[in-house]
């Protein structure tokens, strides 16, 4: 039975729609991959944008590719406090009723009416991994960090299953820092 999963720490980032990519970087602009991430077809782009609120600005926030149907900004709860937003903890893609923010790019500005979330911690699994663990898409599991200094058990870790996924747990910087978890650390599914 599968018992471990590698950690993937998710810093603040932005997913852009085609419309917003055109406004921020110019008509027809294509994102340039900077570094591949573990999930097939996804990457950190060379491009960055600034996140602006009346309270604060985060400069040079990485854009992740490829383009999405809707623009989404993922931050941590600590980030939300710093920039003065009440961002809901949600599954990626669920932006209904979430706060907006201003995005600044080299060619323009986009004022989002919605789209800022704190992503729910989750594990990507393919069908074979899910069968080994005995779970299905949208189930929840518990995960324990291996830190001797600050052991941590994370409750309600969402399982996301798709045949294209590579086994990896995504958590944000707040959760990783609380458990002294680094990218690539092995975590135990319990």
C-alpha atoms as a PDB file:
ATOM      1  CA  UNK A   1       0.000   0.000   0.000  1.00  0.00           C
ATOM      2  CA  UNK A   2       1.182   3.496  -0.869  1.00  0.00           C
ATOM      3  CA  UNK A   3       2.104   5.336   2.324  1.00  0.00           C
ATOM      4  CA  UNK A   4       4.248   8.327   1.334  1.00  0.00           C
ATOM      5  CA  UNK A   5       3.910  11.356  -0.891  1.00  0.00           C
ATOM      6  CA  UNK A   6       6.406  14.077  -1.837  1.00  0.00           C
ATOM      7  CA  UNK A   7       5.682  17.634  -0.751  1.00  0.00           C
ATOM      8  CA  UNK A   8       5.360  20.426  -3.284  1.00  0.00           C
ATOM      9  CA  UNK A   9       5.376  23.835  -1.599  1.00  0.00           C
ATOM     10  CA  UNK A  10       3.284  26.407  -3.410  1.00  0.00           C
ATOM     11  CA  UNK A  11       4.366  30.037  -3.049  1.00  0.00           C
ATOM     12  CA  UNK A  12       2.051  32.853  -4.139  1.00  0.00           C
ATOM     13  CA  UNK A  13       1.368  32.701  -7.873  1.00  0.00           C
ATOM     14  CA  UNK A  14      -1.057  33.654 -10.650  1.00  0.00           C
ATOM     15  CA  UNK A  15      -2.860  31.640 -13.328  1.00  0.00           C
ATOM     16  CA  UNK A  16      -3.895  33.845 -16.262  1.00  0.00           C
ATOM     17  CA  UNK A  17      -6.687  33.606 -18.803  1.00  0.00           C
ATOM     18  CA  UNK A  18      -5.898  34.358 -22.457  1.00  0.00           C
ATOM     19  CA  UNK A  19      -7.767  37.676 -22.216  1.00  0.00           C
ATOM     20  CA  UNK A  20      -5.758  38.854 -19.216  1.00  0.00           C
ATOM     21  CA  UNK A  21      -2.463  37.585 -20.637  1.00  0.00           C
ATOM     22  CA  UNK A  22      -3.082  39.784 -23.713  1.00  0.00           C
ATOM     23  CA  UNK A  23      -3.799  42.846 -21.568  1.00  0.00           C
ATOM     24  CA  UNK A  24      -0.857  42.370 -19.202  1.00  0.00           C
ATOM     25  CA  UNK A  25       1.805  41.300 -21.714  1.00  0.00           C
ATOM     26  CA  UNK A  26       0.491  42.269 -25.164  1.00  0.00           C
ATOM     27  CA  UNK A  27      -1.812  40.785 -27.767  1.00  0.00           C
ATOM     28  CA  UNK A  28      -0.924  37.205 -28.677  1.00  0.00           C
ATOM     29  CA  UNK A  29       1.800  36.992 -26.046  1.00  0.00           C
ATOM     30  CA  UNK A  30       2.987  33.462 -25.230  1.00  0.00           C
ATOM     31  CA  UNK A  31       4.250  32.499 -21.783  1.00  0.00           C
ATOM     32  CA  UNK A  32       7.869  31.326 -21.707  1.00  0.00           C
ATOM     33  CA  UNK A  33       8.544  28.307 -19.503  1.00  0.00           C
ATOM     34  CA  UNK A  34      11.113  29.043 -16.807  1.00  0.00           C
ATOM     35  CA  UNK A  35      10.941  25.802 -14.848  1.00  0.00           C
ATOM     36  CA  UNK A  36       8.769  22.698 -15.140  1.00  0.00           C
ATOM     37  CA  UNK A  37       6.714  21.688 -12.136  1.00  0.00           C
ATOM     38  CA  UNK A  38       5.925  18.060 -11.367  1.00  0.00           C
ATOM     39  CA  UNK A  39       2.437  17.964 -12.872  1.00  0.00           C
ATOM     40  CA  UNK A  40       2.652  17.174 -16.611  1.00  0.00           C
ATOM     41  CA  UNK A  41       2.221  20.165 -18.929  1.00  0.00           C
ATOM     42  CA  UNK A  42       2.426  22.732 -16.121  1.00  0.00           C
ATOM     43  CA  UNK A  43       5.305  25.128 -15.536  1.00  0.00           C
ATOM     44  CA  UNK A  44       6.489  28.247 -13.791  1.00  0.00           C
ATOM     45  CA  UNK A  45       6.754  30.935 -16.459  1.00  0.00           C
ATOM     46  CA  UNK A  46       9.498  33.530 -16.786  1.00  0.00           C
ATOM     47  CA  UNK A  47       6.789  36.178 -16.562  1.00  0.00           C
ATOM     48  CA  UNK A  48       5.750  37.883 -13.331  1.00  0.00           C
ATOM     49  CA  UNK A  49       3.082  40.407 -12.383  1.00  0.00           C
ATOM     50  CA  UNK A  50       2.553  42.736  -9.435  1.00  0.00           C
ATOM     51  CA  UNK A  51      -0.416  42.173  -7.100  1.00  0.00           C
ATOM     52  CA  UNK A  52      -1.800  45.525  -5.910  1.00  0.00           C
ATOM     53  CA  UNK A  53      -4.339  46.418  -3.207  1.00  0.00           C
ATOM     54  CA  UNK A  54      -4.900  49.733  -1.418  1.00  0.00           C
ATOM     55  CA  UNK A  55      -2.934  48.311   1.543  1.00  0.00           C
ATOM     56  CA  UNK A  56       0.120  46.729  -0.110  1.00  0.00           C
ATOM     57  CA  UNK A  57       1.820  45.431  -3.251  1.00  0.00           C
ATOM     58  CA  UNK A  58       3.522  42.110  -3.926  1.00  0.00           C
ATOM     59  CA  UNK A  59       6.030  42.601  -6.742  1.00  0.00           C
ATOM     60  CA  UNK A  60       7.235  39.967  -9.210  1.00  0.00           C
ATOM     61  CA  UNK A  61       4.666  37.263  -8.493  1.00  0.00           C
ATOM     62  CA  UNK A  62       5.298  34.260 -10.739  1.00  0.00           C
ATOM     63  CA  UNK A  63       2.806  33.337 -13.455  1.00  0.00           C
ATOM     64  CA  UNK A  64       2.151  29.606 -13.845  1.00  0.00           C
ATOM     65  CA  UNK A  65       1.305  28.135 -17.219  1.00  0.00           C
ATOM     66  CA  UNK A  66      -0.404  27.098 -19.277  1.00  0.00           C
ATOM     67  CA  UNK A  67      -3.276  29.563 -19.609  1.00  0.00           C
ATOM     68  CA  UNK A  68      -6.461  28.898 -17.667  1.00  0.00           C
ATOM     69  CA  UNK A  69     -10.123  29.457 -18.452  1.00  0.00           C
ATOM     70  CA  UNK A  70     -10.292  32.069 -15.660  1.00  0.00           C
ATOM     71  CA  UNK A  71      -7.607  34.113 -13.954  1.00  0.00           C
ATOM     72  CA  UNK A  72      -6.863  32.970 -10.407  1.00  0.00           C
ATOM     73  CA  UNK A  73      -4.464  34.321  -7.776  1.00  0.00           C
ATOM     74  CA  UNK A  74      -3.257  31.887  -5.096  1.00  0.00           C
ATOM     75  CA  UNK A  75      -1.790  33.314  -1.898  1.00  0.00           C
ATOM     76  CA  UNK A  76      -1.283  32.169   1.692  1.00  0.00           C
ATOM     77  CA  UNK A  77      -3.335  33.375   4.652  1.00  0.00           C
ATOM     78  CA  UNK A  78      -0.301  35.386   5.804  1.00  0.00           C
ATOM     79  CA  UNK A  79      -0.165  37.043   2.369  1.00  0.00           C
ATOM     80  CA  UNK A  80      -3.875  37.841   2.593  1.00  0.00           C
ATOM     81  CA  UNK A  81      -3.376  39.599   5.921  1.00  0.00           C
ATOM     82  CA  UNK A  82      -0.446  41.612   4.552  1.00  0.00           C
ATOM     83  CA  UNK A  83      -2.411  42.904   1.562  1.00  0.00           C
ATOM     84  CA  UNK A  84      -5.691  43.406   3.403  1.00  0.00           C
ATOM     85  CA  UNK A  85      -7.877  40.721   1.815  1.00  0.00           C
ATOM     86  CA  UNK A  86     -10.094  38.026   3.268  1.00  0.00           C
ATOM     87  CA  UNK A  87      -9.257  35.228   0.860  1.00  0.00           C
ATOM     88  CA  UNK A  88     -11.302  32.031   1.221  1.00  0.00           C
ATOM     89  CA  UNK A  89      -9.613  28.628   1.516  1.00  0.00           C
ATOM     90  CA  UNK A  90     -10.844  26.833  -1.598  1.00  0.00           C
ATOM     91  CA  UNK A  91     -10.148  24.114  -4.092  1.00  0.00           C
ATOM     92  CA  UNK A  92      -8.255  25.509  -7.059  1.00  0.00           C
ATOM     93  CA  UNK A  93     -10.651  26.836  -9.690  1.00  0.00           C
ATOM     94  CA  UNK A  94     -13.422  27.698  -7.216  1.00  0.00           C
ATOM     95  CA  UNK A  95     -13.275  31.504  -7.338  1.00  0.00           C
ATOM     96  CA  UNK A  96     -16.982  32.354  -7.022  1.00  0.00           C
ATOM     97  CA  UNK A  97     -17.474  35.053  -4.389  1.00  0.00           C
ATOM     98  CA  UNK A  98     -13.740  35.461  -3.767  1.00  0.00           C
ATOM     99  CA  UNK A  99     -12.166  38.929  -3.523  1.00  0.00           C
ATOM    100  CA  UNK A 100     -10.591  40.712  -6.461  1.00  0.00           C
ATOM    101  CA  UNK A 101      -7.220  42.386  -6.851  1.00  0.00           C
ATOM    102  CA  UNK A 102      -5.330  44.539  -9.356  1.00  0.00           C
ATOM    103  CA  UNK A 103      -2.694  42.859 -11.535  1.00  0.00           C
ATOM    104  CA  UNK A 104       0.029  45.003 -13.088  1.00  0.00           C
ATOM    105  CA  UNK A 105       2.042  43.757 -16.056  1.00  0.00           C
ATOM    106  CA  UNK A 106       4.558  45.365 -18.399  1.00  0.00           C
ATOM    107  CA  UNK A 107       1.870  46.290 -20.980  1.00  0.00           C
ATOM    108  CA  UNK A 108      -1.221  46.910 -18.896  1.00  0.00           C
ATOM    109  CA  UNK A 109      -3.366  46.472 -15.829  1.00  0.00           C
ATOM    110  CA  UNK A 110      -6.267  44.152 -14.972  1.00  0.00           C
ATOM    111  CA  UNK A 111      -8.702  44.848 -12.140  1.00  0.00           C
ATOM    112  CA  UNK A 112     -10.123  41.472 -11.095  1.00  0.00           C
ATOM    113  CA  UNK A 113     -13.563  41.451  -9.492  1.00  0.00           C
ATOM    114  CA  UNK A 114     -12.923  37.944  -8.121  1.00  0.00           C
ATOM    115  CA  UNK A 115     -10.180  35.338  -8.179  1.00  0.00           C
ATOM    116  CA  UNK A 116      -8.032  35.528  -5.028  1.00  0.00           C
ATOM    117  CA  UNK A 117      -7.995  32.307  -2.981  1.00  0.00           C
ATOM    118  CA  UNK A 118      -5.917  30.325  -0.542  1.00  0.00           C
ATOM    119  CA  UNK A 119      -5.648  26.911  -2.182  1.00  0.00           C
ATOM    120  CA  UNK A 120      -6.903  23.955  -0.154  1.00  0.00           C
ATOM    121  CA  UNK A 121      -4.053  21.520   0.589  1.00  0.00           C
ATOM    122  CA  UNK A 122      -4.366  18.560  -1.723  1.00  0.00           C
ATOM    123  CA  UNK A 123      -2.698  15.477  -3.136  1.00  0.00           C
ATOM    124  CA  UNK A 124      -2.498  14.826  -6.866  1.00  0.00           C
ATOM    125  CA  UNK A 125      -2.776  11.096  -7.635  1.00  0.00           C
ATOM    126  CA  UNK A 126      -3.203   9.037 -10.751  1.00  0.00           C
ATOM    127  CA  UNK A 127      -5.686   6.157 -10.857  1.00  0.00           C
ATOM    128  CA  UNK A 128      -3.091   3.561  -9.826  1.00  0.00           C
ATOM    129  CA  UNK A 129      -1.946   5.623  -6.812  1.00  0.00           C
ATOM    130  CA  UNK A 130      -5.558   6.130  -5.691  1.00  0.00           C
ATOM    131  CA  UNK A 131      -6.214   2.384  -5.888  1.00  0.00           C
ATOM    132  CA  UNK A 132      -3.120   1.675  -3.753  1.00  0.00           C
ATOM    133  CA  UNK A 133      -4.289   4.130  -1.080  1.00  0.00           C
ATOM    134  CA  UNK A 134      -7.918   3.046  -1.354  1.00  0.00           C
ATOM    135  CA  UNK A 135      -9.315   6.493  -2.145  1.00  0.00           C
ATOM    136  CA  UNK A 136     -11.211   8.183  -4.948  1.00  0.00           C
ATOM    137  CA  UNK A 137     -11.355  11.702  -6.343  1.00  0.00           C
ATOM    138  CA  UNK A 138     -12.594  14.286  -3.781  1.00  0.00           C
ATOM    139  CA  UNK A 139     -11.938  12.050  -0.741  1.00  0.00           C
ATOM    140  CA  UNK A 140     -10.017  13.412   2.238  1.00  0.00           C
ATOM    141  CA  UNK A 141      -7.002  11.880   3.985  1.00  0.00           C
ATOM    142  CA  UNK A 142      -4.701  12.804   6.867  1.00  0.00           C
ATOM    143  CA  UNK A 143      -0.999  13.431   6.276  1.00  0.00           C
ATOM    144  CA  UNK A 144       1.873  13.537   8.801  1.00  0.00           C
ATOM    145  CA  UNK A 145       5.165  15.374   8.327  1.00  0.00           C
ATOM    146  CA  UNK A 146       8.370  13.558   9.190  1.00  0.00           C
ATOM    147  CA  UNK A 147       9.910  16.497  11.052  1.00  0.00           C
ATOM    148  CA  UNK A 148      11.422  15.548  14.400  1.00  0.00           C
ATOM    149  CA  UNK A 149      11.550  19.191  15.448  1.00  0.00           C
ATOM    150  CA  UNK A 150       7.983  20.211  14.591  1.00  0.00           C
ATOM    151  CA  UNK A 151       5.896  17.170  13.685  1.00  0.00           C
ATOM    152  CA  UNK A 152       2.584  18.075  12.137  1.00  0.00           C
ATOM    153  CA  UNK A 153      -0.563  16.170  11.169  1.00  0.00           C
ATOM    154  CA  UNK A 154      -2.627  17.813   8.446  1.00  0.00           C
ATOM    155  CA  UNK A 155      -6.315  16.962   8.535  1.00  0.00           C
ATOM    156  CA  UNK A 156      -8.715  17.135   5.578  1.00  0.00           C
ATOM    157  CA  UNK A 157      -6.166  16.842   2.767  1.00  0.00           C
ATOM    158  CA  UNK A 158      -8.183  16.765  -0.451  1.00  0.00           C
ATOM    159  CA  UNK A 159      -7.426  13.941  -2.891  1.00  0.00           C
ATOM    160  CA  UNK A 160      -7.529  14.886  -6.576  1.00  0.00           C
ATOM    161  CA  UNK A 161      -7.404  11.955  -8.986  1.00  0.00           C
ATOM    162  CA  UNK A 162      -6.711  12.137 -12.712  1.00  0.00           C
ATOM    163  CA  UNK A 163      -4.926   9.705 -15.004  1.00  0.00           C
ATOM    164  CA  UNK A 164      -2.427  12.449 -15.965  1.00  0.00           C
ATOM    165  CA  UNK A 165      -1.389  13.390 -12.405  1.00  0.00           C
ATOM    166  CA  UNK A 166       1.976  12.673 -10.835  1.00  0.00           C
ATOM    167  CA  UNK A 167       1.854  11.829  -7.125  1.00  0.00           C
ATOM    168  CA  UNK A 168       2.526  14.999  -5.140  1.00  0.00           C
ATOM    169  CA  UNK A 169       1.023  16.889  -2.205  1.00  0.00           C
ATOM    170  CA  UNK A 170       0.557  20.634  -2.620  1.00  0.00           C
ATOM    171  CA  UNK A 171       0.535  22.852   0.438  1.00  0.00           C
ATOM    172  CA  UNK A 172       1.207  26.544   0.848  1.00  0.00           C
ATOM    173  CA  UNK A 173       4.146  28.252   2.505  1.00  0.00           C
ATOM    174  CA  UNK A 174       2.289  28.837   5.797  1.00  0.00           C
ATOM    175  CA  UNK A 175       1.570  25.124   6.257  1.00  0.00           C
ATOM    176  CA  UNK A 176       5.048  24.108   5.123  1.00  0.00           C
ATOM    177  CA  UNK A 177       6.736  26.537   7.486  1.00  0.00           C
ATOM    178  CA  UNK A 178       4.566  25.393  10.420  1.00  0.00           C
ATOM    179  CA  UNK A 179       5.783  21.810   9.947  1.00  0.00           C
ATOM    180  CA  UNK A 180       9.319  22.631   8.736  1.00  0.00           C
ATOM    181  CA  UNK A 181       8.449  20.907   5.443  1.00  0.00           C
ATOM    182  CA  UNK A 182      10.609  21.518   2.366  1.00  0.00           C
ATOM    183  CA  UNK A 183      10.005  20.796  -1.313  1.00  0.00           C
ATOM    184  CA  UNK A 184      10.567  17.115  -1.945  1.00  0.00           C
ATOM    185  CA  UNK A 185      10.197  16.000   1.681  1.00  0.00           C
ATOM    186  CA  UNK A 186       8.383  12.704   2.126  1.00  0.00           C
ATOM    187  CA  UNK A 187       5.093  12.942   4.003  1.00  0.00           C
ATOM    188  CA  UNK A 188       3.116  10.000   5.364  1.00  0.00           C
ATOM    189  CA  UNK A 189      -0.501   9.348   4.401  1.00  0.00           C
ATOM    190  CA  UNK A 190      -2.219   8.092   7.572  1.00  0.00           C
END
